[in-house]
């Protein structure tokens, strides 16, 4: 299992709730600071992280993301 955190920049107030609708996202919550929400994802293969990030970018109002992969 591969875990990653995706930081999301979006002016949409309910972006965290919209992120939780994506199947690989196990948790999402709003944040203050440079990014507006955090999405925690669990996938089977490292390559799947790109698919989740692409799906996030398709959400209306998402300006940018930054992905951090857990290192074990």
PDB file of N, CA and C in Angstrom:
ATOM      1  N   UNK A   1       0.840  -1.173   0.000  1.00  0.00           N
ATOM      2  CA  UNK A   1       0.000   0.000   0.000  1.00  0.00           C
ATOM      3  C   UNK A   1       0.889   1.242   0.000  1.00  0.00           C
ATOM      4  N   UNK A   2       0.532   2.220  -0.779  1.00  0.00           N
ATOM      5  CA  UNK A   2       1.274   3.472  -0.869  1.00  0.00           C
ATOM      6  C   UNK A   2       0.366   4.587  -0.359  1.00  0.00           C
ATOM      7  N   UNK A   3       0.887   5.383   0.560  1.00  0.00           N
ATOM      8  CA  UNK A   3       0.127   6.509   1.121  1.00  0.00           C
ATOM      9  C   UNK A   3       0.768   7.808   0.649  1.00  0.00           C
ATOM     10  N   UNK A   4      -0.086   8.773   0.311  1.00  0.00           N
ATOM     11  CA  UNK A   4       0.407  10.083  -0.101  1.00  0.00           C
ATOM     12  C   UNK A   4      -0.534  11.152   0.430  1.00  0.00           C
ATOM     13  N   UNK A   5       0.007  12.350   0.514  1.00  0.00           N
ATOM     14  CA  UNK A   5      -0.772  13.514   0.910  1.00  0.00           C
ATOM     15  C   UNK A   5      -0.744  14.475  -0.269  1.00  0.00           C
ATOM     16  N   UNK A   6      -1.912  14.942  -0.655  1.00  0.00           N
ATOM     17  CA  UNK A   6      -2.003  15.921  -1.727  1.00  0.00           C
ATOM     18  C   UNK A   6      -2.557  17.212  -1.140  1.00  0.00           C
ATOM     19  N   UNK A   7      -1.784  18.278  -1.256  1.00  0.00           N
ATOM     20  CA  UNK A   7      -2.210  19.597  -0.812  1.00  0.00           C
ATOM     21  C   UNK A   7      -2.924  20.261  -1.980  1.00  0.00           C
ATOM     22  N   UNK A   8      -4.069  20.896  -1.702  1.00  0.00           N
ATOM     23  CA  UNK A   8      -4.900  21.457  -2.767  1.00  0.00           C
ATOM     24  C   UNK A   8      -5.128  22.940  -2.539  1.00  0.00           C
ATOM     25  N   UNK A   9      -4.876  23.723  -3.584  1.00  0.00           N
ATOM     26  CA  UNK A   9      -5.145  25.160  -3.565  1.00  0.00           C
ATOM     27  C   UNK A   9      -6.415  25.394  -4.368  1.00  0.00           C
ATOM     28  N   UNK A  10      -7.446  25.925  -3.691  1.00  0.00           N
ATOM     29  CA  UNK A  10      -8.722  26.177  -4.355  1.00  0.00           C
ATOM     30  C   UNK A  10      -9.516  27.190  -3.549  1.00  0.00           C
ATOM     31  N   UNK A  11     -10.075  28.199  -4.202  1.00  0.00           N
ATOM     32  CA  UNK A  11     -10.895  29.168  -3.478  1.00  0.00           C
ATOM     33  C   UNK A  11     -12.272  28.620  -3.083  1.00  0.00           C
ATOM     34  N   UNK A  12     -12.624  27.444  -3.555  1.00  0.00           N
ATOM     35  CA  UNK A  12     -13.931  26.849  -3.232  1.00  0.00           C
ATOM     36  C   UNK A  12     -13.981  26.477  -1.758  1.00  0.00           C
ATOM     37  N   UNK A  13     -15.002  26.894  -1.059  1.00  0.00           N
ATOM     38  CA  UNK A  13     -15.102  26.656   0.378  1.00  0.00           C
ATOM     39  C   UNK A  13     -15.312  25.185   0.726  1.00  0.00           C
ATOM     40  N   UNK A  14     -15.987  24.449  -0.109  1.00  0.00           N
ATOM     41  CA  UNK A  14     -16.310  23.048   0.211  1.00  0.00           C
ATOM     42  C   UNK A  14     -15.411  22.065  -0.536  1.00  0.00           C
ATOM     43  N   UNK A  15     -14.209  22.484  -0.881  1.00  0.00           N
ATOM     44  CA  UNK A  15     -13.330  21.618  -1.656  1.00  0.00           C
ATOM     45  C   UNK A  15     -12.989  20.329  -0.912  1.00  0.00           C
ATOM     46  N   UNK A  16     -12.821  20.379   0.391  1.00  0.00           N
ATOM     47  CA  UNK A  16     -12.483  19.165   1.150  1.00  0.00           C
ATOM     48  C   UNK A  16     -13.590  18.120   1.041  1.00  0.00           C
ATOM     49  N   UNK A  17     -14.836  18.557   1.088  1.00  0.00           N
ATOM     50  CA  UNK A  17     -15.965  17.627   0.955  1.00  0.00           C
ATOM     51  C   UNK A  17     -16.001  17.020  -0.445  1.00  0.00           C
ATOM     52  N   UNK A  18     -15.679  17.798  -1.449  1.00  0.00           N
ATOM     53  CA  UNK A  18     -15.664  17.280  -2.821  1.00  0.00           C
ATOM     54  C   UNK A  18     -14.526  16.275  -3.007  1.00  0.00           C
ATOM     55  N   UNK A  19     -13.406  16.511  -2.343  1.00  0.00           N
ATOM     56  CA  UNK A  19     -12.281  15.585  -2.444  1.00  0.00           C
ATOM     57  C   UNK A  19     -12.628  14.224  -1.852  1.00  0.00           C
ATOM     58  N   UNK A  20     -13.385  14.201  -0.767  1.00  0.00           N
ATOM     59  CA  UNK A  20     -13.735  12.933  -0.109  1.00  0.00           C
ATOM     60  C   UNK A  20     -14.566  12.021  -0.997  1.00  0.00           C
ATOM     61  N   UNK A  21     -15.136  12.541  -2.065  1.00  0.00           N
ATOM     62  CA  UNK A  21     -15.947  11.726  -2.973  1.00  0.00           C
ATOM     63  C   UNK A  21     -15.089  10.886  -3.921  1.00  0.00           C
ATOM     64  N   UNK A  22     -13.792  11.170  -3.988  1.00  0.00           N
ATOM     65  CA  UNK A  22     -12.891  10.392  -4.840  1.00  0.00           C
ATOM     66  C   UNK A  22     -12.513   9.117  -4.092  1.00  0.00           C
ATOM     67  N   UNK A  23     -12.636   7.984  -4.746  1.00  0.00           N
ATOM     68  CA  UNK A  23     -12.553   6.689  -4.062  1.00  0.00           C
ATOM     69  C   UNK A  23     -11.228   6.425  -3.335  1.00  0.00           C
ATOM     70  N   UNK A  24     -10.111   6.826  -3.858  1.00  0.00           N
ATOM     71  CA  UNK A  24      -8.820   6.536  -3.212  1.00  0.00           C
ATOM     72  C   UNK A  24      -8.493   7.476  -2.065  1.00  0.00           C
ATOM     73  N   UNK A  25      -9.274   8.533  -1.908  1.00  0.00           N
ATOM     74  CA  UNK A  25      -9.021   9.486  -0.834  1.00  0.00           C
ATOM     75  C   UNK A  25      -9.684   8.972   0.436  1.00  0.00           C
ATOM     76  N   UNK A  26      -8.870   8.703   1.453  1.00  0.00           N
ATOM     77  CA  UNK A  26      -9.390   8.141   2.700  1.00  0.00           C
ATOM     78  C   UNK A  26      -9.778   9.223   3.706  1.00  0.00           C
ATOM     79  N   UNK A  27      -9.211  10.426   3.536  1.00  0.00           N
ATOM     80  CA  UNK A  27      -9.577  11.542   4.407  1.00  0.00           C
ATOM     81  C   UNK A  27      -9.233  12.840   3.702  1.00  0.00           C
ATOM     82  N   UNK A  28      -9.980  13.865   4.029  1.00  0.00           N
ATOM     83  CA  UNK A  28      -9.731  15.183   3.479  1.00  0.00           C
ATOM     84  C   UNK A  28     -10.263  16.203   4.472  1.00  0.00           C
ATOM     85  N   UNK A  29      -9.544  17.305   4.611  1.00  0.00           N
ATOM     86  CA  UNK A  29      -9.996  18.333   5.540  1.00  0.00           C
ATOM     87  C   UNK A  29      -9.470  19.693   5.090  1.00  0.00           C
ATOM     88  N   UNK A  30     -10.208  20.757   5.427  1.00  0.00           N
ATOM     89  CA  UNK A  30      -9.759  22.108   5.076  1.00  0.00           C
ATOM     90  C   UNK A  30      -8.592  22.525   5.958  1.00  0.00           C
ATOM     91  N   UNK A  31      -7.757  23.411   5.433  1.00  0.00           N
ATOM     92  CA  UNK A  31      -6.610  23.912   6.173  1.00  0.00           C
ATOM     93  C   UNK A  31      -6.497  25.425   5.978  1.00  0.00           C
ATOM     94  N   UNK A  32      -5.724  26.040   6.839  1.00  0.00           N
ATOM     95  CA  UNK A  32      -5.399  27.446   6.647  1.00  0.00           C
ATOM     96  C   UNK A  32      -3.971  27.523   6.142  1.00  0.00           C
ATOM     97  N   UNK A  33      -3.614  28.625   5.535  1.00  0.00           N
ATOM     98  CA  UNK A  33      -2.252  28.772   5.040  1.00  0.00           C
ATOM     99  C   UNK A  33      -2.206  28.780   3.534  1.00  0.00           C
ATOM    100  N   UNK A  34      -1.085  28.356   2.995  1.00  0.00           N
ATOM    101  CA  UNK A  34      -0.857  28.409   1.552  1.00  0.00           C
ATOM    102  C   UNK A  34      -1.830  27.524   0.774  1.00  0.00           C
ATOM    103  N   UNK A  35      -2.229  26.387   1.345  1.00  0.00           N
ATOM    104  CA  UNK A  35      -3.157  25.473   0.684  1.00  0.00           C
ATOM    105  C   UNK A  35      -4.479  25.480   1.438  1.00  0.00           C
ATOM    106  N   UNK A  36      -5.553  25.125   0.731  1.00  0.00           N
ATOM    107  CA  UNK A  36      -6.897  25.211   1.295  1.00  0.00           C
ATOM    108  C   UNK A  36      -7.443  23.875   1.792  1.00  0.00           C
ATOM    109  N   UNK A  37      -6.840  22.778   1.350  1.00  0.00           N
ATOM    110  CA  UNK A  37      -7.314  21.460   1.779  1.00  0.00           C
ATOM    111  C   UNK A  37      -6.187  20.439   1.656  1.00  0.00           C
ATOM    112  N   UNK A  38      -6.325  19.367   2.417  1.00  0.00           N
ATOM    113  CA  UNK A  38      -5.405  18.239   2.382  1.00  0.00           C
ATOM    114  C   UNK A  38      -6.208  16.994   2.047  1.00  0.00           C
ATOM    115  N   UNK A  39      -5.680  16.189   1.139  1.00  0.00           N
ATOM    116  CA  UNK A  39      -6.284  14.900   0.819  1.00  0.00           C
ATOM    117  C   UNK A  39      -5.266  13.815   1.136  1.00  0.00           C
ATOM    118  N   UNK A  40      -5.681  12.825   1.901  1.00  0.00           N
ATOM    119  CA  UNK A  40      -4.824  11.684   2.211  1.00  0.00           C
ATOM    120  C   UNK A  40      -5.310  10.515   1.363  1.00  0.00           C
ATOM    121  N   UNK A  41      -4.388   9.929   0.610  1.00  0.00           N
ATOM    122  CA  UNK A  41      -4.792   8.848  -0.286  1.00  0.00           C
ATOM    123  C   UNK A  41      -4.012   7.574   0.021  1.00  0.00           C
ATOM    124  N   UNK A  42      -4.677   6.456  -0.201  1.00  0.00           N
ATOM    125  CA  UNK A  42      -4.060   5.133  -0.117  1.00  0.00           C
ATOM    126  C   UNK A  42      -4.329   4.432  -1.441  1.00  0.00           C
ATOM    127  N   UNK A  43      -3.268   3.991  -2.108  1.00  0.00           N
ATOM    128  CA  UNK A  43      -3.385   3.279  -3.369  1.00  0.00           C
ATOM    129  C   UNK A  43      -2.477   2.054  -3.328  1.00  0.00           C
ATOM    130  N   UNK A  44      -2.711   1.115  -4.230  1.00  0.00           N
ATOM    131  CA  UNK A  44      -1.914  -0.112  -4.249  1.00  0.00           C
ATOM    132  C   UNK A  44      -0.558   0.090  -4.911  1.00  0.00           C
ATOM    133  N   UNK A  45      -0.514   0.919  -5.949  1.00  0.00           N
ATOM    134  CA  UNK A  45       0.714   1.125  -6.711  1.00  0.00           C
ATOM    135  C   UNK A  45       1.062   2.606  -6.759  1.00  0.00           C
ATOM    136  N   UNK A  46       2.344   2.905  -6.768  1.00  0.00           N
ATOM    137  CA  UNK A  46       2.819   4.278  -6.823  1.00  0.00           C
ATOM    138  C   UNK A  46       2.258   5.033  -8.032  1.00  0.00           C
ATOM    139  N   UNK A  47       2.137   4.362  -9.159  1.00  0.00           N
ATOM    140  CA  UNK A  47       1.660   4.996 -10.388  1.00  0.00           C
ATOM    141  C   UNK A  47       0.222   5.506 -10.269  1.00  0.00           C
ATOM    142  N   UNK A  48      -0.555   4.943  -9.360  1.00  0.00           N
ATOM    143  CA  UNK A  48      -1.953   5.351  -9.198  1.00  0.00           C
ATOM    144  C   UNK A  48      -2.083   6.763  -8.610  1.00  0.00           C
ATOM    145  N   UNK A  49      -1.037   7.233  -7.967  1.00  0.00           N
ATOM    146  CA  UNK A  49      -1.091   8.567  -7.357  1.00  0.00           C
ATOM    147  C   UNK A  49      -1.339   9.621  -8.433  1.00  0.00           C
ATOM    148  N   UNK A  50      -0.715   9.464  -9.585  1.00  0.00           N
ATOM    149  CA  UNK A  50      -0.909  10.417 -10.679  1.00  0.00           C
ATOM    150  C   UNK A  50      -2.375  10.449 -11.113  1.00  0.00           C
ATOM    151  N   UNK A  51      -3.030   9.294 -11.158  1.00  0.00           N
ATOM    152  CA  UNK A  51      -4.445   9.248 -11.545  1.00  0.00           C
ATOM    153  C   UNK A  51      -5.311  10.029 -10.568  1.00  0.00           C
ATOM    154  N   UNK A  52      -5.023   9.887  -9.283  1.00  0.00           N
ATOM    155  CA  UNK A  52      -5.796  10.612  -8.271  1.00  0.00           C
ATOM    156  C   UNK A  52      -5.549  12.113  -8.400  1.00  0.00           C
ATOM    157  N   UNK A  53      -4.300  12.504  -8.586  1.00  0.00           N
ATOM    158  CA  UNK A  53      -3.978  13.924  -8.749  1.00  0.00           C
ATOM    159  C   UNK A  53      -4.658  14.501  -9.988  1.00  0.00           C
ATOM    160  N   UNK A  54      -4.686  13.749 -11.062  1.00  0.00           N
ATOM    161  CA  UNK A  54      -5.361  14.195 -12.282  1.00  0.00           C
ATOM    162  C   UNK A  54      -6.855  14.373 -12.029  1.00  0.00           C
ATOM    163  N   UNK A  55      -7.443  13.457 -11.304  1.00  0.00           N
ATOM    164  CA  UNK A  55      -8.868  13.547 -10.958  1.00  0.00           C
ATOM    165  C   UNK A  55      -9.133  14.811 -10.123  1.00  0.00           C
ATOM    166  N   UNK A  56      -8.252  15.104  -9.185  1.00  0.00           N
ATOM    167  CA  UNK A  56      -8.398  16.306  -8.359  1.00  0.00           C
ATOM    168  C   UNK A  56      -8.325  17.556  -9.226  1.00  0.00           C
ATOM    169  N   UNK A  57      -7.400  17.571 -10.180  1.00  0.00           N
ATOM    170  CA  UNK A  57      -7.250  18.733 -11.063  1.00  0.00           C
ATOM    171  C   UNK A  57      -8.484  18.966 -11.931  1.00  0.00           C
ATOM    172  N   UNK A  58      -9.285  17.942 -12.160  1.00  0.00           N
ATOM    173  CA  UNK A  58     -10.498  18.089 -12.970  1.00  0.00           C
ATOM    174  C   UNK A  58     -11.643  18.741 -12.189  1.00  0.00           C
ATOM    175  N   UNK A  59     -11.515  18.853 -10.872  1.00  0.00           N
ATOM    176  CA  UNK A  59     -12.550  19.502 -10.066  1.00  0.00           C
ATOM    177  C   UNK A  59     -12.517  20.998 -10.350  1.00  0.00           C
ATOM    178  N   UNK A  60     -13.657  21.544 -10.650  1.00  0.00           N
ATOM    179  CA  UNK A  60     -13.765  22.967 -10.943  1.00  0.00           C
ATOM    180  C   UNK A  60     -13.257  23.800  -9.766  1.00  0.00           C
ATOM    181  N   UNK A  61     -12.381  24.746 -10.052  1.00  0.00           N
ATOM    182  CA  UNK A  61     -11.878  25.637  -9.024  1.00  0.00           C
ATOM    183  C   UNK A  61     -10.548  25.234  -8.419  1.00  0.00           C
ATOM    184  N   UNK A  62     -10.032  24.061  -8.748  1.00  0.00           N
ATOM    185  CA  UNK A  62      -8.725  23.658  -8.217  1.00  0.00           C
ATOM    186  C   UNK A  62      -7.650  24.404  -9.001  1.00  0.00           C
ATOM    187  N   UNK A  63      -6.862  25.193  -8.293  1.00  0.00           N
ATOM    188  CA  UNK A  63      -5.806  25.974  -8.935  1.00  0.00           C
ATOM    189  C   UNK A  63      -4.519  25.173  -9.101  1.00  0.00           C
ATOM    190  N   UNK A  64      -4.102  24.471  -8.035  1.00  0.00           N
ATOM    191  CA  UNK A  64      -2.883  23.676  -8.103  1.00  0.00           C
ATOM    192  C   UNK A  64      -2.852  22.683  -6.959  1.00  0.00           C
ATOM    193  N   UNK A  65      -1.953  21.726  -7.081  1.00  0.00           N
ATOM    194  CA  UNK A  65      -1.765  20.716  -6.035  1.00  0.00           C
ATOM    195  C   UNK A  65      -0.273  20.506  -5.804  1.00  0.00           C
ATOM    196  N   UNK A  66       0.011  19.929  -4.667  1.00  0.00           N
ATOM    197  CA  UNK A  66       1.387  19.486  -4.378  1.00  0.00           C
ATOM    198  C   UNK A  66       1.264  18.122  -3.708  1.00  0.00           C
ATOM    199  N   UNK A  67       2.014  17.157  -4.206  1.00  0.00           N
ATOM    200  CA  UNK A  67       1.905  15.788  -3.715  1.00  0.00           C
ATOM    201  C   UNK A  67       3.150  15.395  -2.940  1.00  0.00           C
ATOM    202  N   UNK A  68       2.936  14.739  -1.807  1.00  0.00           N
ATOM    203  CA  UNK A  68       4.025  14.210  -0.987  1.00  0.00           C
ATOM    204  C   UNK A  68       3.737  12.742  -0.725  1.00  0.00           C
ATOM    205  N   UNK A  69       4.680  11.885  -1.080  1.00  0.00           N
ATOM    206  CA  UNK A  69       4.525  10.435  -0.920  1.00  0.00           C
ATOM    207  C   UNK A  69       5.208  10.017   0.371  1.00  0.00           C
ATOM    208  N   UNK A  70       4.530   9.184   1.147  1.00  0.00           N
ATOM    209  CA  UNK A  70       5.106   8.666   2.391  1.00  0.00           C
ATOM    210  C   UNK A  70       6.312   7.796   2.065  1.00  0.00           C
ATOM    211  N   UNK A  71       7.393   7.995   2.801  1.00  0.00           N
ATOM    212  CA  UNK A  71       8.609   7.213   2.631  1.00  0.00           C
ATOM    213  C   UNK A  71       8.748   6.275   3.812  1.00  0.00           C
ATOM    214  N   UNK A  72       8.936   4.998   3.534  1.00  0.00           N
ATOM    215  CA  UNK A  72       9.064   4.020   4.608  1.00  0.00           C
ATOM    216  C   UNK A  72      10.402   3.376   4.599  1.00  0.00           C
TER     217      UNK A  72
END
